[in-house]
């Protein structure tokens, strides 16, 4: 399984995914078309967004890979335009990174 993660990962979800054996690519900065393509979103199984201020990357990721599972791991609200495109929204205050990573790696 491979995943792309975008945003500051202060809760450690990326490390938890790697612990579960997920091949992880990190995007530093904004997740636009160019960075998503460079990160391999076209063949990714999961796209994780950890900062909702970068939610414009969600529809781009979906456009580049219709089957990618989009996971938002953030405590703040997701903009309306992105809500129907996210497959899973998890608040880090409610579920630890290890539990999320374990579930995604299944």
PDB file of N, CA and C in Angstrom:
ATOM      1  N   UNK A   1       0.843  -1.179   0.000  1.00  0.00           N
ATOM      2  CA  UNK A   1       0.000   0.000   0.000  1.00  0.00           C
ATOM      3  C   UNK A   1       0.886   1.238   0.000  1.00  0.00           C
ATOM      4  N   UNK A   2       0.456   2.241  -0.734  1.00  0.00           N
ATOM      5  CA  UNK A   2       1.213   3.494  -0.730  1.00  0.00           C
ATOM      6  C   UNK A   2       0.275   4.667  -0.476  1.00  0.00           C
ATOM      7  N   UNK A   3       0.848   5.682   0.160  1.00  0.00           N
ATOM      8  CA  UNK A   3       0.067   6.851   0.543  1.00  0.00           C
ATOM      9  C   UNK A   3       0.866   8.120   0.305  1.00  0.00           C
ATOM     10  N   UNK A   4       0.128   9.201   0.102  1.00  0.00           N
ATOM     11  CA  UNK A   4       0.695  10.536  -0.008  1.00  0.00           C
ATOM     12  C   UNK A   4       0.104  11.342   1.140  1.00  0.00           C
ATOM     13  N   UNK A   5       0.951  12.045   1.882  1.00  0.00           N
ATOM     14  CA  UNK A   5       0.471  12.864   2.992  1.00  0.00           C
ATOM     15  C   UNK A   5       0.881  14.311   2.740  1.00  0.00           C
ATOM     16  N   UNK A   6      -0.059  15.212   2.972  1.00  0.00           N
ATOM     17  CA  UNK A   6       0.176  16.627   2.742  1.00  0.00           C
ATOM     18  C   UNK A   6      -0.208  17.416   3.988  1.00  0.00           C
ATOM     19  N   UNK A   7       0.657  18.340   4.353  1.00  0.00           N
ATOM     20  CA  UNK A   7       0.396  19.184   5.513  1.00  0.00           C
ATOM     21  C   UNK A   7       1.358  18.863   6.641  1.00  0.00           C
ATOM     22  N   UNK A   8       1.397  19.762   7.602  1.00  0.00           N
ATOM     23  CA  UNK A   8       2.242  19.542   8.776  1.00  0.00           C
ATOM     24  C   UNK A   8       1.687  18.340   9.534  1.00  0.00           C
ATOM     25  N   UNK A   9       2.527  17.400   9.823  1.00  0.00           N
ATOM     26  CA  UNK A   9       2.093  16.154  10.466  1.00  0.00           C
ATOM     27  C   UNK A   9       2.518  16.136  11.924  1.00  0.00           C
ATOM     28  N   UNK A  10       2.069  17.126  12.678  1.00  0.00           N
ATOM     29  CA  UNK A  10       2.484  17.262  14.075  1.00  0.00           C
ATOM     30  C   UNK A  10       1.969  16.135  14.971  1.00  0.00           C
ATOM     31  N   UNK A  11       0.925  15.432  14.531  1.00  0.00           N
ATOM     32  CA  UNK A  11       0.387  14.329  15.335  1.00  0.00           C
ATOM     33  C   UNK A  11       1.093  13.003  15.048  1.00  0.00           C
ATOM     34  N   UNK A  12       1.879  12.944  13.976  1.00  0.00           N
ATOM     35  CA  UNK A  12       2.658  11.738  13.706  1.00  0.00           C
ATOM     36  C   UNK A  12       1.940  10.649  12.932  1.00  0.00           C
ATOM     37  N   UNK A  13       0.924  11.001  12.168  1.00  0.00           N
ATOM     38  CA  UNK A  13       0.224   9.977  11.386  1.00  0.00           C
ATOM     39  C   UNK A  13       1.147   9.359  10.333  1.00  0.00           C
ATOM     40  N   UNK A  14       2.003  10.159   9.725  1.00  0.00           N
ATOM     41  CA  UNK A  14       2.931   9.633   8.733  1.00  0.00           C
ATOM     42  C   UNK A  14       3.824   8.541   9.309  1.00  0.00           C
ATOM     43  N   UNK A  15       4.390   8.792  10.475  1.00  0.00           N
ATOM     44  CA  UNK A  15       5.243   7.793  11.117  1.00  0.00           C
ATOM     45  C   UNK A  15       4.446   6.543  11.460  1.00  0.00           C
ATOM     46  N   UNK A  16       3.217   6.729  11.920  1.00  0.00           N
ATOM     47  CA  UNK A  16       2.368   5.584  12.251  1.00  0.00           C
ATOM     48  C   UNK A  16       2.060   4.757  10.998  1.00  0.00           C
ATOM     49  N   UNK A  17       1.830   5.431   9.870  1.00  0.00           N
ATOM     50  CA  UNK A  17       1.588   4.708   8.618  1.00  0.00           C
ATOM     51  C   UNK A  17       2.831   3.922   8.202  1.00  0.00           C
ATOM     52  N   UNK A  18       3.992   4.540   8.325  1.00  0.00           N
ATOM     53  CA  UNK A  18       5.236   3.839   7.982  1.00  0.00           C
ATOM     54  C   UNK A  18       5.457   2.636   8.890  1.00  0.00           C
ATOM     55  N   UNK A  19       5.105   2.755  10.151  1.00  0.00           N
ATOM     56  CA  UNK A  19       5.213   1.640  11.087  1.00  0.00           C
ATOM     57  C   UNK A  19       4.333   0.469  10.644  1.00  0.00           C
ATOM     58  N   UNK A  20       3.214   0.793  10.005  1.00  0.00           N
ATOM     59  CA  UNK A  20       2.298  -0.235   9.499  1.00  0.00           C
ATOM     60  C   UNK A  20       2.740  -0.786   8.141  1.00  0.00           C
ATOM     61  N   UNK A  21       3.889  -0.324   7.638  1.00  0.00           N
ATOM     62  CA  UNK A  21       4.414  -0.833   6.380  1.00  0.00           C
ATOM     63  C   UNK A  21       3.932  -0.104   5.136  1.00  0.00           C
ATOM     64  N   UNK A  22       3.328   1.049   5.327  1.00  0.00           N
ATOM     65  CA  UNK A  22       2.835   1.844   4.200  1.00  0.00           C
ATOM     66  C   UNK A  22       4.006   2.598   3.574  1.00  0.00           C
ATOM     67  N   UNK A  23       4.097   2.542   2.244  1.00  0.00           N
ATOM     68  CA  UNK A  23       5.095   3.313   1.510  1.00  0.00           C
ATOM     69  C   UNK A  23       4.569   4.745   1.430  1.00  0.00           C
ATOM     70  N   UNK A  24       5.227   5.683   2.092  1.00  0.00           N
ATOM     71  CA  UNK A  24       4.706   7.033   2.267  1.00  0.00           C
ATOM     72  C   UNK A  24       5.538   8.073   1.519  1.00  0.00           C
ATOM     73  N   UNK A  25       4.831   8.969   0.832  1.00  0.00           N
ATOM     74  CA  UNK A  25       5.463  10.116   0.200  1.00  0.00           C
ATOM     75  C   UNK A  25       4.888  11.368   0.846  1.00  0.00           C
ATOM     76  N   UNK A  26       5.759  12.267   1.260  1.00  0.00           N
ATOM     77  CA  UNK A  26       5.325  13.499   1.915  1.00  0.00           C
ATOM     78  C   UNK A  26       5.390  14.667   0.937  1.00  0.00           C
ATOM     79  N   UNK A  27       4.383  15.518   1.010  1.00  0.00           N
ATOM     80  CA  UNK A  27       4.371  16.753   0.239  1.00  0.00           C
ATOM     81  C   UNK A  27       4.665  17.891   1.201  1.00  0.00           C
ATOM     82  N   UNK A  28       5.720  18.605   0.916  1.00  0.00           N
ATOM     83  CA  UNK A  28       6.070  19.780   1.711  1.00  0.00           C
ATOM     84  C   UNK A  28       5.382  20.983   1.078  1.00  0.00           C
ATOM     85  N   UNK A  29       4.649  21.729   1.848  1.00  0.00           N
ATOM     86  CA  UNK A  29       3.961  22.904   1.317  1.00  0.00           C
ATOM     87  C   UNK A  29       2.616  22.554   0.716  1.00  0.00           C
ATOM     88  N   UNK A  30       2.239  23.326  -0.275  1.00  0.00           N
ATOM     89  CA  UNK A  30       0.906  23.248  -0.859  1.00  0.00           C
ATOM     90  C   UNK A  30       0.759  22.037  -1.786  1.00  0.00           C
ATOM     91  N   UNK A  31      -0.379  21.347  -1.713  1.00  0.00           N
ATOM     92  CA  UNK A  31      -0.656  20.181  -2.554  1.00  0.00           C
ATOM     93  C   UNK A  31      -1.382  20.618  -3.822  1.00  0.00           C
ATOM     94  N   UNK A  32      -0.625  21.111  -4.788  1.00  0.00           N
ATOM     95  CA  UNK A  32      -1.229  21.483  -6.067  1.00  0.00           C
ATOM     96  C   UNK A  32      -1.022  20.341  -7.065  1.00  0.00           C
ATOM     97  N   UNK A  33      -1.478  20.536  -8.280  1.00  0.00           N
ATOM     98  CA  UNK A  33      -1.405  19.480  -9.287  1.00  0.00           C
ATOM     99  C   UNK A  33       0.027  18.977  -9.478  1.00  0.00           C
ATOM    100  N   UNK A  34       0.958  19.907  -9.614  1.00  0.00           N
ATOM    101  CA  UNK A  34       2.355  19.531  -9.868  1.00  0.00           C
ATOM    102  C   UNK A  34       2.938  18.700  -8.728  1.00  0.00           C
ATOM    103  N   UNK A  35       2.742  19.150  -7.492  1.00  0.00           N
ATOM    104  CA  UNK A  35       3.312  18.414  -6.358  1.00  0.00           C
ATOM    105  C   UNK A  35       2.611  17.078  -6.152  1.00  0.00           C
ATOM    106  N   UNK A  36       1.307  17.026  -6.395  1.00  0.00           N
ATOM    107  CA  UNK A  36       0.594  15.761  -6.272  1.00  0.00           C
ATOM    108  C   UNK A  36       1.063  14.761  -7.328  1.00  0.00           C
ATOM    109  N   UNK A  37       1.238  15.223  -8.550  1.00  0.00           N
ATOM    110  CA  UNK A  37       1.737  14.340  -9.605  1.00  0.00           C
ATOM    111  C   UNK A  37       3.150  13.858  -9.276  1.00  0.00           C
ATOM    112  N   UNK A  38       4.006  14.760  -8.814  1.00  0.00           N
ATOM    113  CA  UNK A  38       5.375  14.386  -8.453  1.00  0.00           C
ATOM    114  C   UNK A  38       5.413  13.395  -7.297  1.00  0.00           C
ATOM    115  N   UNK A  39       4.439  13.492  -6.410  1.00  0.00           N
ATOM    116  CA  UNK A  39       4.375  12.596  -5.253  1.00  0.00           C
ATOM    117  C   UNK A  39       3.795  11.227  -5.607  1.00  0.00           C
ATOM    118  N   UNK A  40       3.277  11.093  -6.824  1.00  0.00           N
ATOM    119  CA  UNK A  40       2.744   9.799  -7.243  1.00  0.00           C
ATOM    120  C   UNK A  40       1.294   9.563  -6.895  1.00  0.00           C
ATOM    121  N   UNK A  41       0.507  10.628  -6.810  1.00  0.00           N
ATOM    122  CA  UNK A  41      -0.902  10.473  -6.439  1.00  0.00           C
ATOM    123  C   UNK A  41      -1.669   9.581  -7.421  1.00  0.00           C
ATOM    124  N   UNK A  42      -1.219   9.537  -8.664  1.00  0.00           N
ATOM    125  CA  UNK A  42      -1.896   8.732  -9.673  1.00  0.00           C
ATOM    126  C   UNK A  42      -1.952   7.254  -9.344  1.00  0.00           C
ATOM    127  N   UNK A  43      -0.994   6.767  -8.569  1.00  0.00           N
ATOM    128  CA  UNK A  43      -0.978   5.353  -8.194  1.00  0.00           C
ATOM    129  C   UNK A  43      -1.137   5.143  -6.688  1.00  0.00           C
ATOM    130  N   UNK A  44      -1.414   6.203  -5.952  1.00  0.00           N
ATOM    131  CA  UNK A  44      -1.551   6.100  -4.491  1.00  0.00           C
ATOM    132  C   UNK A  44      -2.871   5.433  -4.105  1.00  0.00           C
ATOM    133  N   UNK A  45      -2.825   4.733  -3.001  1.00  0.00           N
ATOM    134  CA  UNK A  45      -4.039   4.124  -2.445  1.00  0.00           C
ATOM    135  C   UNK A  45      -4.759   5.108  -1.539  1.00  0.00           C
ATOM    136  N   UNK A  46      -3.980   5.965  -0.852  1.00  0.00           N
ATOM    137  CA  UNK A  46      -4.536   6.890   0.131  1.00  0.00           C
ATOM    138  C   UNK A  46      -3.877   8.261  -0.017  1.00  0.00           C
ATOM    139  N   UNK A  47      -4.691   9.299   0.103  1.00  0.00           N
ATOM    140  CA  UNK A  47      -4.197  10.675   0.189  1.00  0.00           C
ATOM    141  C   UNK A  47      -4.645  11.218   1.535  1.00  0.00           C
ATOM    142  N   UNK A  48      -3.690  11.588   2.361  1.00  0.00           N
ATOM    143  CA  UNK A  48      -3.978  12.109   3.702  1.00  0.00           C
ATOM    144  C   UNK A  48      -3.672  13.596   3.730  1.00  0.00           C
ATOM    145  N   UNK A  49      -4.627  14.351   4.201  1.00  0.00           N
ATOM    146  CA  UNK A  49      -4.467  15.792   4.361  1.00  0.00           C
ATOM    147  C   UNK A  49      -4.532  16.103   5.852  1.00  0.00           C
ATOM    148  N   UNK A  50      -3.508  16.774   6.372  1.00  0.00           N
ATOM    149  CA  UNK A  50      -3.476  17.065   7.800  1.00  0.00           C
ATOM    150  C   UNK A  50      -3.739  18.527   8.129  1.00  0.00           C
ATOM    151  N   UNK A  51      -3.915  19.350   7.099  1.00  0.00           N
ATOM    152  CA  UNK A  51      -4.241  20.762   7.300  1.00  0.00           C
ATOM    153  C   UNK A  51      -5.351  21.136   6.329  1.00  0.00           C
ATOM    154  N   UNK A  52      -6.496  21.526   6.853  1.00  0.00           N
ATOM    155  CA  UNK A  52      -7.638  21.819   5.992  1.00  0.00           C
ATOM    156  C   UNK A  52      -7.465  23.098   5.181  1.00  0.00           C
ATOM    157  N   UNK A  53      -6.488  23.931   5.527  1.00  0.00           N
ATOM    158  CA  UNK A  53      -6.247  25.131   4.725  1.00  0.00           C
ATOM    159  C   UNK A  53      -5.731  24.759   3.335  1.00  0.00           C
ATOM    160  N   UNK A  54      -5.297  23.529   3.170  1.00  0.00           N
ATOM    161  CA  UNK A  54      -4.824  23.043   1.881  1.00  0.00           C
ATOM    162  C   UNK A  54      -5.867  22.141   1.203  1.00  0.00           C
ATOM    163  N   UNK A  55      -7.125  22.323   1.554  1.00  0.00           N
ATOM    164  CA  UNK A  55      -8.191  21.456   1.046  1.00  0.00           C
ATOM    165  C   UNK A  55      -8.372  21.510  -0.463  1.00  0.00           C
ATOM    166  N   UNK A  56      -7.852  22.531  -1.123  1.00  0.00           N
ATOM    167  CA  UNK A  56      -7.973  22.580  -2.581  1.00  0.00           C
ATOM    168  C   UNK A  56      -7.223  21.427  -3.241  1.00  0.00           C
ATOM    169  N   UNK A  57      -6.326  20.787  -2.515  1.00  0.00           N
ATOM    170  CA  UNK A  57      -5.639  19.613  -3.044  1.00  0.00           C
ATOM    171  C   UNK A  57      -6.536  18.402  -3.147  1.00  0.00           C
ATOM    172  N   UNK A  58      -7.642  18.385  -2.415  1.00  0.00           N
ATOM    173  CA  UNK A  58      -8.542  17.233  -2.418  1.00  0.00           C
ATOM    174  C   UNK A  58      -9.183  17.012  -3.789  1.00  0.00           C
ATOM    175  N   UNK A  59      -9.841  18.005  -4.390  1.00  0.00           N
ATOM    176  CA  UNK A  59     -10.432  17.747  -5.707  1.00  0.00           C
ATOM    177  C   UNK A  59      -9.382  17.460  -6.785  1.00  0.00           C
ATOM    178  N   UNK A  60      -8.204  18.033  -6.639  1.00  0.00           N
ATOM    179  CA  UNK A  60      -7.139  17.757  -7.608  1.00  0.00           C
ATOM    180  C   UNK A  60      -6.689  16.304  -7.484  1.00  0.00           C
ATOM    181  N   UNK A  61      -6.516  15.840  -6.256  1.00  0.00           N
ATOM    182  CA  UNK A  61      -6.132  14.442  -6.037  1.00  0.00           C
ATOM    183  C   UNK A  61      -7.191  13.502  -6.602  1.00  0.00           C
ATOM    184  N   UNK A  62      -8.444  13.825  -6.384  1.00  0.00           N
ATOM    185  CA  UNK A  62      -9.539  12.985  -6.884  1.00  0.00           C
ATOM    186  C   UNK A  62      -9.562  12.973  -8.417  1.00  0.00           C
ATOM    187  N   UNK A  63      -9.281  14.125  -9.013  1.00  0.00           N
ATOM    188  CA  UNK A  63      -9.239  14.219 -10.471  1.00  0.00           C
ATOM    189  C   UNK A  63      -8.101  13.364 -11.041  1.00  0.00           C
ATOM    190  N   UNK A  64      -6.959  13.369 -10.361  1.00  0.00           N
ATOM    191  CA  UNK A  64      -5.796  12.624 -10.831  1.00  0.00           C
ATOM    192  C   UNK A  64      -5.885  11.126 -10.543  1.00  0.00           C
ATOM    193  N   UNK A  65      -6.696  10.759  -9.553  1.00  0.00           N
ATOM    194  CA  UNK A  65      -6.836   9.348  -9.180  1.00  0.00           C
ATOM    195  C   UNK A  65      -8.230   9.150  -8.577  1.00  0.00           C
ATOM    196  N   UNK A  66      -9.165   8.720  -9.393  1.00  0.00           N
ATOM    197  CA  UNK A  66     -10.554   8.580  -8.951  1.00  0.00           C
ATOM    198  C   UNK A  66     -10.729   7.565  -7.824  1.00  0.00           C
ATOM    199  N   UNK A  67      -9.829   6.606  -7.715  1.00  0.00           N
ATOM    200  CA  UNK A  67      -9.995   5.558  -6.712  1.00  0.00           C
ATOM    201  C   UNK A  67      -9.226   5.800  -5.417  1.00  0.00           C
ATOM    202  N   UNK A  68      -8.471   6.908  -5.330  1.00  0.00           N
ATOM    203  CA  UNK A  68      -7.706   7.166  -4.113  1.00  0.00           C
ATOM    204  C   UNK A  68      -8.657   7.437  -2.945  1.00  0.00           C
ATOM    205  N   UNK A  69      -8.338   6.844  -1.800  1.00  0.00           N
ATOM    206  CA  UNK A  69      -9.108   7.105  -0.583  1.00  0.00           C
ATOM    207  C   UNK A  69      -8.570   8.391   0.018  1.00  0.00           C
ATOM    208  N   UNK A  70      -9.450   9.348   0.250  1.00  0.00           N
ATOM    209  CA  UNK A  70      -9.037  10.649   0.784  1.00  0.00           C
ATOM    210  C   UNK A  70      -9.399  10.714   2.262  1.00  0.00           C
ATOM    211  N   UNK A  71      -8.361  10.919   3.073  1.00  0.00           N
ATOM    212  CA  UNK A  71      -8.516  10.960   4.523  1.00  0.00           C
ATOM    213  C   UNK A  71      -8.052  12.317   5.025  1.00  0.00           C
ATOM    214  N   UNK A  72      -8.890  12.966   5.798  1.00  0.00           N
ATOM    215  CA  UNK A  72      -8.541  14.242   6.427  1.00  0.00           C
ATOM    216  C   UNK A  72      -8.332  13.954   7.909  1.00  0.00           C
ATOM    217  N   UNK A  73      -7.120  14.191   8.377  1.00  0.00           N
ATOM    218  CA  UNK A  73      -6.768  13.969   9.779  1.00  0.00           C
ATOM    219  C   UNK A  73      -6.449  15.326  10.385  1.00  0.00           C
ATOM    220  N   UNK A  74      -7.495  16.030  10.775  1.00  0.00           N
ATOM    221  CA  UNK A  74      -7.352  17.398  11.272  1.00  0.00           C
ATOM    222  C   UNK A  74      -8.524  17.731  12.188  1.00  0.00           C
ATOM    223  N   UNK A  75      -8.283  18.639  13.118  1.00  0.00           N
ATOM    224  CA  UNK A  75      -9.310  19.012  14.073  1.00  0.00           C
ATOM    225  C   UNK A  75     -10.236  20.116  13.609  1.00  0.00           C
ATOM    226  N   UNK A  76      -9.825  20.866  12.598  1.00  0.00           N
ATOM    227  CA  UNK A  76     -10.666  21.970  12.153  1.00  0.00           C
ATOM    228  C   UNK A  76     -11.583  21.545  11.008  1.00  0.00           C
ATOM    229  N   UNK A  77     -12.510  22.410  10.674  1.00  0.00           N
ATOM    230  CA  UNK A  77     -13.540  22.089   9.682  1.00  0.00           C
ATOM    231  C   UNK A  77     -12.985  22.050   8.266  1.00  0.00           C
ATOM    232  N   UNK A  78     -13.539  21.173   7.490  1.00  0.00           N
ATOM    233  CA  UNK A  78     -13.202  21.054   6.085  1.00  0.00           C
ATOM    234  C   UNK A  78     -14.136  21.966   5.299  1.00  0.00           C
ATOM    235  N   UNK A  79     -13.610  22.743   4.342  1.00  0.00           N
ATOM    236  CA  UNK A  79     -14.482  23.618   3.550  1.00  0.00           C
ATOM    237  C   UNK A  79     -15.577  22.819   2.837  1.00  0.00           C
ATOM    238  N   UNK A  80     -16.710  23.446   2.635  1.00  0.00           N
ATOM    239  CA  UNK A  80     -17.866  22.770   2.036  1.00  0.00           C
ATOM    240  C   UNK A  80     -17.568  22.098   0.715  1.00  0.00           C
ATOM    241  N   UNK A  81     -16.782  22.758  -0.155  1.00  0.00           N
ATOM    242  CA  UNK A  81     -16.517  22.193  -1.474  1.00  0.00           C
ATOM    243  C   UNK A  81     -15.784  20.853  -1.396  1.00  0.00           C
ATOM    244  N   UNK A  82     -15.023  20.636  -0.326  1.00  0.00           N
ATOM    245  CA  UNK A  82     -14.222  19.418  -0.203  1.00  0.00           C
ATOM    246  C   UNK A  82     -14.911  18.308   0.585  1.00  0.00           C
ATOM    247  N   UNK A  83     -15.933  18.657   1.347  1.00  0.00           N
ATOM    248  CA  UNK A  83     -16.583  17.663   2.202  1.00  0.00           C
ATOM    249  C   UNK A  83     -17.081  16.428   1.466  1.00  0.00           C
ATOM    250  N   UNK A  84     -17.770  16.569   0.318  1.00  0.00           N
ATOM    251  CA  UNK A  84     -18.257  15.353  -0.337  1.00  0.00           C
ATOM    252  C   UNK A  84     -17.153  14.502  -0.975  1.00  0.00           C
ATOM    253  N   UNK A  85     -15.966  15.063  -1.115  1.00  0.00           N
ATOM    254  CA  UNK A  85     -14.866  14.331  -1.745  1.00  0.00           C
ATOM    255  C   UNK A  85     -14.026  13.538  -0.748  1.00  0.00           C
ATOM    256  N   UNK A  86     -14.119  13.878   0.521  1.00  0.00           N
ATOM    257  CA  UNK A  86     -13.341  13.181   1.551  1.00  0.00           C
ATOM    258  C   UNK A  86     -14.052  11.882   1.931  1.00  0.00           C
ATOM    259  N   UNK A  87     -13.292  10.799   1.964  1.00  0.00           N
ATOM    260  CA  UNK A  87     -13.860   9.506   2.339  1.00  0.00           C
ATOM    261  C   UNK A  87     -13.937   9.340   3.850  1.00  0.00           C
ATOM    262  N   UNK A  88     -13.018   9.996   4.549  1.00  0.00           N
ATOM    263  CA  UNK A  88     -12.957   9.848   6.000  1.00  0.00           C
ATOM    264  C   UNK A  88     -12.400  11.127   6.600  1.00  0.00           C
ATOM    265  N   UNK A  89     -13.036  11.625   7.647  1.00  0.00           N
ATOM    266  CA  UNK A  89     -12.565  12.802   8.387  1.00  0.00           C
ATOM    267  C   UNK A  89     -12.405  12.383   9.835  1.00  0.00           C
ATOM    268  N   UNK A  90     -11.187  12.522  10.352  1.00  0.00           N
ATOM    269  CA  UNK A  90     -10.886  12.092  11.711  1.00  0.00           C
ATOM    270  C   UNK A  90     -10.247  13.242  12.473  1.00  0.00           C
ATOM    271  N   UNK A  91     -10.756  13.507  13.651  1.00  0.00           N
ATOM    272  CA  UNK A  91     -10.194  14.523  14.534  1.00  0.00           C
ATOM    273  C   UNK A  91      -9.088  13.870  15.371  1.00  0.00           C
ATOM    274  N   UNK A  92      -7.861  14.373  15.299  1.00  0.00           N
ATOM    275  CA  UNK A  92      -6.757  13.793  16.072  1.00  0.00           C
ATOM    276  C   UNK A  92      -7.000  13.765  17.578  1.00  0.00           C
ATOM    277  N   UNK A  93      -7.864  14.642  18.068  1.00  0.00           N
ATOM    278  CA  UNK A  93      -8.171  14.650  19.497  1.00  0.00           C
ATOM    279  C   UNK A  93      -9.026  13.445  19.897  1.00  0.00           C
ATOM    280  N   UNK A  94      -9.650  12.809  18.910  1.00  0.00           N
ATOM    281  CA  UNK A  94     -10.546  11.692  19.199  1.00  0.00           C
ATOM    282  C   UNK A  94      -9.942  10.323  18.901  1.00  0.00           C
ATOM    283  N   UNK A  95      -8.988  10.263  17.985  1.00  0.00           N
ATOM    284  CA  UNK A  95      -8.420   8.982  17.605  1.00  0.00           C
ATOM    285  C   UNK A  95      -6.922   9.133  17.354  1.00  0.00           C
ATOM    286  N   UNK A  96      -6.138   8.307  18.017  1.00  0.00           N
ATOM    287  CA  UNK A  96      -4.685   8.385  17.917  1.00  0.00           C
ATOM    288  C   UNK A  96      -4.193   7.965  16.539  1.00  0.00           C
ATOM    289  N   UNK A  97      -3.026   8.486  16.133  1.00  0.00           N
ATOM    290  CA  UNK A  97      -2.480   8.158  14.817  1.00  0.00           C
ATOM    291  C   UNK A  97      -2.294   6.656  14.594  1.00  0.00           C
ATOM    292  N   UNK A  98      -1.868   5.942  15.614  1.00  0.00           N
ATOM    293  CA  UNK A  98      -1.631   4.492  15.456  1.00  0.00           C
ATOM    294  C   UNK A  98      -2.912   3.764  15.082  1.00  0.00           C
ATOM    295  N   UNK A  99      -4.026   4.149  15.681  1.00  0.00           N
ATOM    296  CA  UNK A  99      -5.305   3.494  15.381  1.00  0.00           C
ATOM    297  C   UNK A  99      -5.751   3.803  13.959  1.00  0.00           C
ATOM    298  N   UNK A 100      -5.572   5.041  13.532  1.00  0.00           N
ATOM    299  CA  UNK A 100      -5.943   5.438  12.169  1.00  0.00           C
ATOM    300  C   UNK A 100      -5.056   4.706  11.168  1.00  0.00           C
ATOM    301  N   UNK A 101      -3.765   4.674  11.423  1.00  0.00           N
ATOM    302  CA  UNK A 101      -2.821   4.009  10.518  1.00  0.00           C
ATOM    303  C   UNK A 101      -3.117   2.522  10.401  1.00  0.00           C
ATOM    304  N   UNK A 102      -3.417   1.900  11.522  1.00  0.00           N
ATOM    305  CA  UNK A 102      -3.741   0.467  11.510  1.00  0.00           C
ATOM    306  C   UNK A 102      -4.966   0.200  10.636  1.00  0.00           C
ATOM    307  N   UNK A 103      -5.967   1.027  10.774  1.00  0.00           N
ATOM    308  CA  UNK A 103      -7.195   0.848   9.997  1.00  0.00           C
ATOM    309  C   UNK A 103      -6.952   1.101   8.500  1.00  0.00           C
ATOM    310  N   UNK A 104      -6.184   2.129   8.177  1.00  0.00           N
ATOM    311  CA  UNK A 104      -5.913   2.442   6.776  1.00  0.00           C
ATOM    312  C   UNK A 104      -5.051   1.371   6.113  1.00  0.00           C
ATOM    313  N   UNK A 105      -4.150   0.766   6.870  1.00  0.00           N
ATOM    314  CA  UNK A 105      -3.250  -0.242   6.313  1.00  0.00           C
ATOM    315  C   UNK A 105      -3.931  -1.576   6.037  1.00  0.00           C
ATOM    316  N   UNK A 106      -5.129  -1.765   6.534  1.00  0.00           N
ATOM    317  CA  UNK A 106      -5.846  -3.044   6.300  1.00  0.00           C
ATOM    318  C   UNK A 106      -6.221  -3.220   4.869  1.00  0.00           C
TER     319      UNK A 106
END
